[in-house]
Amino acid sequence: MEVKGSNIKNSSFQLQRGAQGAVTNEWAVDIQFDDEGTTKFKTVTERLNKFYVEAGGETGTDPKSQFAIVLDDQVISAPRSQAVITDGRPQITGGFTEESAKALSDQLRFGALPISFEIQSEQQISATLGGEQLRMGLLAGLIGLLLVVVYSLFQYRALGLVTVASS
């Protein structure tokens, strides 16, 4: 691996612009490397461009002018280098739909980011919380039972005693 995903600062997708700046109907993925990535990518494209020139500038002839973009040991794209890229801002073109350009851009941008978590807040909950809830539940049940007994005695008088005794 010559240029790592962590060297990608940003990636985006957009409609490609022609030589005169006119927008074409072809989608492209733009990448922006950090300083280290720019230097490494320049070295890679210098080497790959030699094969491109040796093939007479024809893009489809020599696989040695290709590089692979790999994420989780899967090649997600294998574009060809057609020029030495010195500014760290390559553009990948070639038959993208809007959805496929967006997908590649997202994979480059988010696949390069290490996932880390930062604790925002922390609470300690003691084991006594469950015991307290149990005591309060038993107390509520006892109060409810006493209210039923009082209601039965008030409503049914002597028959209420039979009702209470049978439960």
N, C-alpha and C. Protein backbone atom coordinates (compact mmCIF):
# COMPACT_ATOMS: atom_id res chain seq x y z
N MET A 1 0.85 -1.16 0.00
CA MET A 1 0.00 0.00 0.00
C MET A 1 0.90 1.23 0.00
N GLU A 2 0.75 2.01 -1.03
CA GLU A 2 1.64 3.16 -1.17
C GLU A 2 1.05 4.44 -0.60
N VAL A 3 -0.23 4.67 -0.83
CA VAL A 3 -0.91 5.84 -0.27
C VAL A 3 -2.08 5.31 0.54
N LYS A 4 -2.12 5.66 1.81
CA LYS A 4 -3.15 5.15 2.70
C LYS A 4 -4.39 6.03 2.67
N GLY A 5 -5.50 5.44 3.04
CA GLY A 5 -6.76 6.18 3.09
C GLY A 5 -6.71 7.31 4.10
N SER A 6 -5.87 7.18 5.11
CA SER A 6 -5.77 8.25 6.10
C SER A 6 -5.13 9.51 5.52
N ASN A 7 -4.54 9.39 4.32
CA ASN A 7 -3.96 10.56 3.65
C ASN A 7 -5.00 11.34 2.84
N ILE A 8 -6.23 10.84 2.78
CA ILE A 8 -7.28 11.54 2.05
C ILE A 8 -7.92 12.56 2.99
N LYS A 9 -7.86 13.83 2.60
CA LYS A 9 -8.50 14.89 3.38
C LYS A 9 -9.99 14.97 3.07
N ASN A 10 -10.32 14.79 1.78
CA ASN A 10 -11.71 14.93 1.38
C ASN A 10 -11.92 14.25 0.04
N SER A 11 -13.15 13.91 -0.26
CA SER A 11 -13.52 13.43 -1.59
C SER A 11 -14.94 13.91 -1.86
N SER A 12 -15.22 14.15 -3.13
CA SER A 12 -16.54 14.62 -3.52
C SER A 12 -16.84 14.10 -4.92
N PHE A 13 -18.06 14.27 -5.36
CA PHE A 13 -18.43 13.87 -6.71
C PHE A 13 -19.18 15.02 -7.36
N GLN A 14 -19.03 15.14 -8.66
CA GLN A 14 -19.69 16.21 -9.40
C GLN A 14 -19.67 15.88 -10.88
N LEU A 15 -20.41 16.67 -11.64
CA LEU A 15 -20.34 16.52 -13.09
C LEU A 15 -18.99 17.03 -13.56
N GLN A 16 -18.42 16.31 -14.49
CA GLN A 16 -17.08 16.62 -15.00
C GLN A 16 -17.11 17.90 -15.85
N ARG A 17 -16.01 18.63 -15.86
CA ARG A 17 -15.88 19.82 -16.70
C ARG A 17 -14.94 19.51 -17.85
N GLY A 18 -15.31 20.00 -19.03
CA GLY A 18 -14.48 19.79 -20.21
C GLY A 18 -13.28 20.74 -20.22
N ALA A 19 -12.51 20.69 -21.31
CA ALA A 19 -11.29 21.50 -21.43
C ALA A 19 -11.60 23.00 -21.38
N GLN A 20 -12.72 23.42 -21.91
CA GLN A 20 -13.08 24.85 -21.90
C GLN A 20 -13.90 25.23 -20.65
N GLY A 21 -14.07 24.30 -19.73
CA GLY A 21 -14.80 24.59 -18.49
C GLY A 21 -16.28 24.30 -18.56
N ALA A 22 -16.76 23.84 -19.69
CA ALA A 22 -18.18 23.51 -19.83
C ALA A 22 -18.47 22.20 -19.10
N VAL A 23 -19.63 22.13 -18.47
CA VAL A 23 -20.02 20.94 -17.73
C VAL A 23 -20.48 19.87 -18.73
N THR A 24 -19.96 18.67 -18.54
CA THR A 24 -20.35 17.54 -19.39
C THR A 24 -21.43 16.74 -18.66
N ASN A 25 -21.90 15.68 -19.26
CA ASN A 25 -22.89 14.83 -18.62
C ASN A 25 -22.27 13.62 -17.95
N GLU A 26 -20.97 13.67 -17.71
CA GLU A 26 -20.27 12.55 -17.09
C GLU A 26 -19.90 12.89 -15.66
N TRP A 27 -20.11 11.92 -14.79
CA TRP A 27 -19.81 12.12 -13.37
C TRP A 27 -18.35 11.79 -13.08
N ALA A 28 -17.79 12.48 -12.10
CA ALA A 28 -16.39 12.27 -11.71
C ALA A 28 -16.29 12.33 -10.19
N VAL A 29 -15.26 11.68 -9.67
CA VAL A 29 -14.98 11.70 -8.23
C VAL A 29 -13.68 12.48 -8.03
N ASP A 30 -13.73 13.51 -7.21
CA ASP A 30 -12.56 14.32 -6.90
C ASP A 30 -12.02 13.94 -5.54
N ILE A 31 -10.70 13.84 -5.45
CA ILE A 31 -10.03 13.48 -4.20
C ILE A 31 -9.08 14.61 -3.83
N GLN A 32 -8.95 14.85 -2.55
CA GLN A 32 -7.97 15.82 -2.06
C GLN A 32 -7.12 15.12 -0.99
N PHE A 33 -5.80 15.08 -1.25
CA PHE A 33 -4.87 14.44 -0.32
C PHE A 33 -4.27 15.47 0.63
N ASP A 34 -3.79 15.00 1.79
CA ASP A 34 -3.01 15.86 2.67
C ASP A 34 -1.59 15.97 2.10
N ASP A 35 -0.70 16.68 2.78
CA ASP A 35 0.65 16.92 2.25
C ASP A 35 1.41 15.62 2.02
N GLU A 36 1.37 14.70 2.97
CA GLU A 36 2.07 13.43 2.83
C GLU A 36 1.49 12.62 1.67
N GLY A 37 0.16 12.59 1.58
CA GLY A 37 -0.50 11.86 0.51
C GLY A 37 -0.21 12.46 -0.86
N THR A 38 -0.12 13.79 -0.93
CA THR A 38 0.21 14.47 -2.19
C THR A 38 1.57 14.03 -2.69
N THR A 39 2.55 13.99 -1.80
CA THR A 39 3.91 13.58 -2.18
C THR A 39 3.92 12.12 -2.62
N LYS A 40 3.27 11.25 -1.87
CA LYS A 40 3.24 9.83 -2.21
C LYS A 40 2.51 9.60 -3.53
N PHE A 41 1.37 10.28 -3.72
CA PHE A 41 0.59 10.07 -4.93
C PHE A 41 1.33 10.60 -6.16
N LYS A 42 2.07 11.68 -5.99
CA LYS A 42 2.89 12.19 -7.10
C LYS A 42 3.90 11.13 -7.53
N THR A 43 4.56 10.50 -6.57
CA THR A 43 5.54 9.46 -6.87
C THR A 43 4.88 8.29 -7.61
N VAL A 44 3.71 7.87 -7.15
CA VAL A 44 2.99 6.77 -7.79
C VAL A 44 2.62 7.13 -9.22
N THR A 45 2.06 8.33 -9.41
CA THR A 45 1.62 8.71 -10.76
C THR A 45 2.81 8.93 -11.70
N GLU A 46 3.95 9.35 -11.18
CA GLU A 46 5.15 9.45 -12.03
C GLU A 46 5.53 8.08 -12.56
N ARG A 47 5.51 7.08 -11.68
CA ARG A 47 5.87 5.72 -12.09
C ARG A 47 4.83 5.15 -13.06
N LEU A 48 3.55 5.33 -12.75
CA LEU A 48 2.49 4.78 -13.60
C LEU A 48 2.42 5.50 -14.95
N ASN A 49 2.75 6.78 -14.96
CA ASN A 49 2.68 7.56 -16.20
C ASN A 49 3.70 7.06 -17.22
N LYS A 50 4.80 6.50 -16.76
CA LYS A 50 5.79 5.94 -17.69
C LYS A 50 5.15 4.83 -18.53
N PHE A 51 4.34 3.97 -17.89
CA PHE A 51 3.67 2.90 -18.61
C PHE A 51 2.62 3.45 -19.56
N TYR A 52 1.94 4.51 -19.14
CA TYR A 52 0.92 5.14 -19.98
C TYR A 52 1.56 5.71 -21.24
N VAL A 53 2.69 6.38 -21.08
CA VAL A 53 3.39 6.96 -22.23
C VAL A 53 3.94 5.86 -23.13
N GLU A 54 4.49 4.81 -22.52
CA GLU A 54 5.02 3.68 -23.31
C GLU A 54 3.93 3.01 -24.12
N ALA A 55 2.70 3.03 -23.63
CA ALA A 55 1.58 2.42 -24.35
C ALA A 55 1.04 3.36 -25.42
N GLY A 56 1.69 4.47 -25.63
CA GLY A 56 1.26 5.42 -26.66
C GLY A 56 0.12 6.31 -26.22
N GLY A 57 -0.10 6.43 -24.92
CA GLY A 57 -1.15 7.30 -24.41
C GLY A 57 -2.54 6.72 -24.55
N GLU A 58 -2.63 5.43 -24.80
CA GLU A 58 -3.93 4.78 -24.92
C GLU A 58 -4.30 4.20 -23.56
N THR A 59 -5.46 4.60 -23.08
CA THR A 59 -5.83 4.25 -21.71
C THR A 59 -6.17 2.78 -21.52
N GLY A 60 -6.61 2.10 -22.53
CA GLY A 60 -7.09 0.75 -22.32
C GLY A 60 -6.08 -0.33 -22.61
N THR A 61 -4.82 0.01 -22.83
CA THR A 61 -3.89 -1.00 -23.31
C THR A 61 -3.03 -1.64 -22.25
N ASP A 62 -2.49 -0.91 -21.31
CA ASP A 62 -1.52 -1.49 -20.37
C ASP A 62 -2.03 -1.44 -18.94
N PRO A 63 -2.26 -2.60 -18.32
CA PRO A 63 -2.72 -2.60 -16.94
C PRO A 63 -1.68 -2.08 -15.96
N LYS A 64 -0.44 -1.92 -16.42
CA LYS A 64 0.59 -1.38 -15.53
C LYS A 64 0.37 0.10 -15.25
N SER A 65 -0.48 0.75 -16.02
CA SER A 65 -0.77 2.17 -15.77
C SER A 65 -1.96 2.33 -14.82
N GLN A 66 -2.44 1.22 -14.25
CA GLN A 66 -3.56 1.25 -13.33
C GLN A 66 -3.10 1.20 -11.89
N PHE A 67 -3.90 1.74 -11.02
CA PHE A 67 -3.69 1.54 -9.59
C PHE A 67 -5.03 1.10 -8.99
N ALA A 68 -4.97 0.49 -7.85
CA ALA A 68 -6.19 -0.04 -7.23
C ALA A 68 -6.52 0.75 -5.97
N ILE A 69 -7.80 1.00 -5.78
CA ILE A 69 -8.30 1.58 -4.53
C ILE A 69 -8.93 0.42 -3.78
N VAL A 70 -8.35 0.11 -2.61
CA VAL A 70 -8.74 -1.09 -1.87
C VAL A 70 -9.32 -0.68 -0.52
N LEU A 71 -10.48 -1.26 -0.20
CA LEU A 71 -11.12 -1.04 1.09
C LEU A 71 -11.53 -2.40 1.63
N ASP A 72 -11.08 -2.74 2.82
CA ASP A 72 -11.37 -4.04 3.44
C ASP A 72 -10.99 -5.20 2.52
N ASP A 73 -9.80 -5.11 1.94
CA ASP A 73 -9.25 -6.14 1.05
C ASP A 73 -10.09 -6.37 -0.21
N GLN A 74 -10.93 -5.42 -0.57
CA GLN A 74 -11.74 -5.48 -1.80
C GLN A 74 -11.36 -4.29 -2.68
N VAL A 75 -11.12 -4.56 -3.97
CA VAL A 75 -10.84 -3.47 -4.90
C VAL A 75 -12.16 -2.79 -5.22
N ILE A 76 -12.28 -1.51 -4.86
CA ILE A 76 -13.52 -0.79 -5.11
C ILE A 76 -13.43 0.04 -6.39
N SER A 77 -12.23 0.29 -6.87
CA SER A 77 -12.04 0.99 -8.14
C SER A 77 -10.60 0.75 -8.60
N ALA A 78 -10.41 0.74 -9.92
CA ALA A 78 -9.07 0.53 -10.47
C ALA A 78 -8.86 1.49 -11.65
N PRO A 79 -8.73 2.78 -11.36
CA PRO A 79 -8.55 3.75 -12.45
C PRO A 79 -7.14 3.71 -13.02
N ARG A 80 -6.98 4.30 -14.20
CA ARG A 80 -5.68 4.40 -14.86
C ARG A 80 -5.13 5.80 -14.66
N SER A 81 -3.82 5.87 -14.53
CA SER A 81 -3.16 7.16 -14.41
C SER A 81 -2.81 7.65 -15.81
N GLN A 82 -3.26 8.85 -16.16
CA GLN A 82 -3.01 9.40 -17.48
C GLN A 82 -2.05 10.59 -17.44
N ALA A 83 -1.67 11.00 -16.24
CA ALA A 83 -0.76 12.13 -16.09
C ALA A 83 -0.14 12.10 -14.70
N VAL A 84 0.95 12.81 -14.55
CA VAL A 84 1.57 12.97 -13.23
C VAL A 84 0.74 14.01 -12.47
N ILE A 85 0.28 13.66 -11.29
CA ILE A 85 -0.56 14.56 -10.50
C ILE A 85 0.28 15.09 -9.35
N THR A 86 0.58 16.37 -9.41
CA THR A 86 1.49 16.98 -8.43
C THR A 86 0.77 17.78 -7.35
N ASP A 87 -0.49 18.15 -7.59
CA ASP A 87 -1.18 19.02 -6.63
C ASP A 87 -2.00 18.27 -5.59
N GLY A 88 -2.01 16.93 -5.64
CA GLY A 88 -2.75 16.15 -4.65
C GLY A 88 -4.25 16.22 -4.82
N ARG A 89 -4.72 16.54 -6.03
CA ARG A 89 -6.15 16.64 -6.29
C ARG A 89 -6.52 15.85 -7.56
N PRO A 90 -6.43 14.52 -7.51
CA PRO A 90 -6.78 13.74 -8.69
C PRO A 90 -8.29 13.69 -8.89
N GLN A 91 -8.68 13.39 -10.12
CA GLN A 91 -10.08 13.21 -10.46
C GLN A 91 -10.22 11.86 -11.14
N ILE A 92 -11.17 11.06 -10.67
CA ILE A 92 -11.42 9.75 -11.25
C ILE A 92 -12.64 9.88 -12.14
N THR A 93 -12.51 9.49 -13.41
CA THR A 93 -13.61 9.56 -14.37
C THR A 93 -13.79 8.19 -15.01
N GLY A 94 -14.89 8.07 -15.74
CA GLY A 94 -15.06 6.85 -16.51
C GLY A 94 -16.35 6.12 -16.27
N GLY A 95 -17.42 6.58 -16.86
CA GLY A 95 -18.66 5.83 -16.87
C GLY A 95 -19.40 5.77 -15.55
N PHE A 96 -19.22 6.72 -14.69
CA PHE A 96 -19.95 6.74 -13.42
C PHE A 96 -21.38 7.22 -13.63
N THR A 97 -22.29 6.65 -12.87
CA THR A 97 -23.61 7.25 -12.71
C THR A 97 -23.51 8.14 -11.47
N GLU A 98 -24.52 8.91 -11.24
CA GLU A 98 -24.49 9.77 -10.04
C GLU A 98 -24.38 8.91 -8.78
N GLU A 99 -25.12 7.80 -8.75
CA GLU A 99 -25.11 6.93 -7.57
C GLU A 99 -23.75 6.27 -7.37
N SER A 100 -23.13 5.78 -8.45
CA SER A 100 -21.84 5.11 -8.29
C SER A 100 -20.74 6.11 -7.94
N ALA A 101 -20.82 7.33 -8.47
CA ALA A 101 -19.84 8.37 -8.10
C ALA A 101 -20.00 8.74 -6.62
N LYS A 102 -21.23 8.87 -6.16
CA LYS A 102 -21.47 9.19 -4.75
C LYS A 102 -20.97 8.05 -3.86
N ALA A 103 -21.23 6.80 -4.27
CA ALA A 103 -20.81 5.65 -3.47
C ALA A 103 -19.28 5.61 -3.35
N LEU A 104 -18.57 5.80 -4.46
CA LEU A 104 -17.10 5.79 -4.41
C LEU A 104 -16.58 6.95 -3.56
N SER A 105 -17.17 8.11 -3.72
CA SER A 105 -16.75 9.28 -2.93
C SER A 105 -16.95 9.01 -1.43
N ASP A 106 -18.10 8.44 -1.08
CA ASP A 106 -18.37 8.13 0.33
C ASP A 106 -17.40 7.08 0.86
N GLN A 107 -17.10 6.06 0.05
CA GLN A 107 -16.16 5.02 0.48
C GLN A 107 -14.77 5.61 0.70
N LEU A 108 -14.37 6.52 -0.16
CA LEU A 108 -13.06 7.15 0.01
C LEU A 108 -13.03 8.04 1.25
N ARG A 109 -14.09 8.80 1.44
CA ARG A 109 -14.11 9.75 2.55
C ARG A 109 -14.29 9.04 3.89
N PHE A 110 -15.27 8.15 3.99
CA PHE A 110 -15.57 7.53 5.28
C PHE A 110 -14.74 6.29 5.54
N GLY A 111 -14.33 5.59 4.50
CA GLY A 111 -13.50 4.41 4.68
C GLY A 111 -12.12 4.76 5.17
N ALA A 112 -11.71 5.99 4.95
CA ALA A 112 -10.38 6.42 5.34
C ALA A 112 -10.33 6.87 6.80
N LEU A 113 -11.49 7.08 7.38
CA LEU A 113 -11.50 7.63 8.74
C LEU A 113 -11.49 6.52 9.78
N PRO A 114 -10.58 6.59 10.73
CA PRO A 114 -10.63 5.61 11.81
C PRO A 114 -11.80 5.95 12.73
N ILE A 115 -12.46 4.93 13.22
CA ILE A 115 -13.60 5.15 14.10
C ILE A 115 -13.09 5.20 15.53
N SER A 116 -13.44 6.25 16.22
CA SER A 116 -13.09 6.35 17.63
C SER A 116 -14.25 6.99 18.37
N PHE A 117 -14.34 6.68 19.62
CA PHE A 117 -15.41 7.20 20.44
C PHE A 117 -14.82 7.99 21.58
N GLU A 118 -15.50 9.06 21.92
CA GLU A 118 -15.07 9.89 23.03
C GLU A 118 -16.21 9.92 24.05
N ILE A 119 -15.89 9.68 25.31
CA ILE A 119 -16.91 9.65 26.35
C ILE A 119 -17.36 11.08 26.62
N GLN A 120 -18.65 11.32 26.44
CA GLN A 120 -19.21 12.65 26.68
C GLN A 120 -19.68 12.79 28.13
N SER A 121 -20.27 11.73 28.67
CA SER A 121 -20.69 11.76 30.07
C SER A 121 -20.68 10.33 30.60
N GLU A 122 -20.58 10.22 31.90
CA GLU A 122 -20.51 8.91 32.52
C GLU A 122 -21.30 8.95 33.82
N GLN A 123 -22.08 7.90 34.09
CA GLN A 123 -22.84 7.82 35.33
C GLN A 123 -22.57 6.47 35.98
N GLN A 124 -22.46 6.49 37.29
CA GLN A 124 -22.31 5.26 38.05
C GLN A 124 -23.66 4.95 38.69
N ILE A 125 -24.16 3.76 38.47
CA ILE A 125 -25.42 3.34 39.05
C ILE A 125 -25.12 2.20 40.02
N SER A 126 -25.54 2.40 41.26
CA SER A 126 -25.23 1.39 42.27
C SER A 126 -26.22 0.24 42.21
N ALA A 127 -25.82 -0.89 42.77
CA ALA A 127 -26.67 -2.07 42.78
C ALA A 127 -27.84 -1.91 43.75
N THR A 128 -27.78 -0.94 44.64
CA THR A 128 -28.86 -0.74 45.61
C THR A 128 -30.09 -0.13 44.96
N LEU A 129 -29.96 0.38 43.75
CA LEU A 129 -31.11 0.97 43.07
C LEU A 129 -32.21 -0.08 42.88
N GLY A 130 -31.87 -1.31 42.53
CA GLY A 130 -32.85 -2.38 42.36
C GLY A 130 -33.52 -2.75 43.67
N GLY A 131 -32.76 -2.77 44.75
CA GLY A 131 -33.33 -3.10 46.07
C GLY A 131 -34.32 -2.04 46.52
N GLU A 132 -34.00 -0.80 46.25
CA GLU A 132 -34.90 0.29 46.62
C GLU A 132 -36.20 0.20 45.83
N GLN A 133 -36.11 -0.12 44.54
CA GLN A 133 -37.31 -0.27 43.71
C GLN A 133 -38.18 -1.42 44.21
N LEU A 134 -37.56 -2.50 44.65
CA LEU A 134 -38.31 -3.64 45.19
C LEU A 134 -39.06 -3.25 46.46
N ARG A 135 -38.37 -2.55 47.37
CA ARG A 135 -39.03 -2.12 48.61
C ARG A 135 -40.21 -1.20 48.32
N MET A 136 -40.03 -0.28 47.39
CA MET A 136 -41.11 0.66 47.06
C MET A 136 -42.28 -0.07 46.40
N GLY A 137 -41.98 -1.08 45.58
CA GLY A 137 -43.04 -1.88 44.95
C GLY A 137 -43.85 -2.66 45.98
N LEU A 138 -43.17 -3.25 46.96
CA LEU A 138 -43.86 -3.99 48.02
C LEU A 138 -44.71 -3.05 48.87
N LEU A 139 -44.20 -1.86 49.16
CA LEU A 139 -44.95 -0.88 49.94
C LEU A 139 -46.21 -0.45 49.18
N ALA A 140 -46.08 -0.21 47.88
CA ALA A 140 -47.24 0.19 47.07
C ALA A 140 -48.27 -0.94 47.04
N GLY A 141 -47.82 -2.20 46.95
CA GLY A 141 -48.75 -3.33 46.96
C GLY A 141 -49.48 -3.45 48.28
N LEU A 142 -48.76 -3.22 49.39
CA LEU A 142 -49.38 -3.29 50.72
C LEU A 142 -50.41 -2.18 50.90
N ILE A 143 -50.07 -0.98 50.44
CA ILE A 143 -51.03 0.14 50.54
C ILE A 143 -52.28 -0.16 49.71
N GLY A 144 -52.07 -0.71 48.50
CA GLY A 144 -53.21 -1.07 47.65
C GLY A 144 -54.10 -2.12 48.30
N LEU A 145 -53.50 -3.11 48.92
CA LEU A 145 -54.26 -4.17 49.60
C LEU A 145 -55.06 -3.59 50.77
N LEU A 146 -54.45 -2.72 51.55
CA LEU A 146 -55.16 -2.09 52.67
C LEU A 146 -56.33 -1.26 52.18
N LEU A 147 -56.17 -0.56 51.07
CA LEU A 147 -57.28 0.24 50.53
C LEU A 147 -58.43 -0.64 50.07
N VAL A 148 -58.13 -1.81 49.51
CA VAL A 148 -59.18 -2.74 49.08
C VAL A 148 -59.92 -3.28 50.31
N VAL A 149 -59.20 -3.59 51.39
CA VAL A 149 -59.83 -4.09 52.62
C VAL A 149 -60.74 -3.02 53.20
N VAL A 150 -60.24 -1.78 53.27
CA VAL A 150 -61.04 -0.69 53.84
C VAL A 150 -62.29 -0.47 52.99
N TYR A 151 -62.14 -0.50 51.66
CA TYR A 151 -63.28 -0.30 50.77
C TYR A 151 -64.30 -1.43 50.94
N SER A 152 -63.82 -2.69 51.02
CA SER A 152 -64.72 -3.84 51.18
C SER A 152 -65.50 -3.74 52.50
N LEU A 153 -64.81 -3.37 53.58
CA LEU A 153 -65.49 -3.24 54.88
C LEU A 153 -66.49 -2.09 54.86
N PHE A 154 -66.14 -0.99 54.22
CA PHE A 154 -67.02 0.17 54.15
C PHE A 154 -68.24 -0.13 53.28
N GLN A 155 -68.03 -0.76 52.14
CA GLN A 155 -69.11 -1.00 51.19
C GLN A 155 -70.02 -2.15 51.61
N TYR A 156 -69.40 -3.26 52.07
CA TYR A 156 -70.19 -4.47 52.33
C TYR A 156 -70.33 -4.80 53.82
N ARG A 157 -69.74 -4.05 54.70
CA ARG A 157 -69.77 -4.21 56.13
C ARG A 157 -69.40 -5.64 56.55
N ALA A 158 -70.30 -6.42 57.09
CA ALA A 158 -69.99 -7.76 57.59
C ALA A 158 -69.59 -8.69 56.45
N LEU A 159 -70.22 -8.52 55.28
CA LEU A 159 -69.87 -9.34 54.13
C LEU A 159 -68.45 -9.03 53.66
N GLY A 160 -67.98 -7.80 53.94
CA GLY A 160 -66.63 -7.42 53.61
C GLY A 160 -65.59 -8.23 54.36
N LEU A 161 -65.96 -8.60 55.64
CA LEU A 161 -65.07 -9.45 56.43
C LEU A 161 -64.92 -10.81 55.78
N VAL A 162 -65.99 -11.35 55.24
CA VAL A 162 -65.94 -12.64 54.55
C VAL A 162 -65.04 -12.52 53.32
N THR A 163 -65.20 -11.43 52.58
CA THR A 163 -64.39 -11.20 51.37
C THR A 163 -62.90 -11.12 51.73
N VAL A 164 -62.58 -10.37 52.77
CA VAL A 164 -61.18 -10.21 53.18
C VAL A 164 -60.63 -11.53 53.69
N ALA A 165 -61.40 -12.28 54.44
CA ALA A 165 -60.94 -13.54 55.00
C ALA A 165 -60.74 -14.60 53.92
N SER A 166 -61.51 -14.52 52.83
CA SER A 166 -61.36 -15.53 51.79
C SER A 166 -60.14 -15.28 50.90
N SER A 167 -59.59 -14.10 50.92
CA SER A 167 -58.41 -13.86 50.08
C SER A 167 -57.21 -14.18 50.84
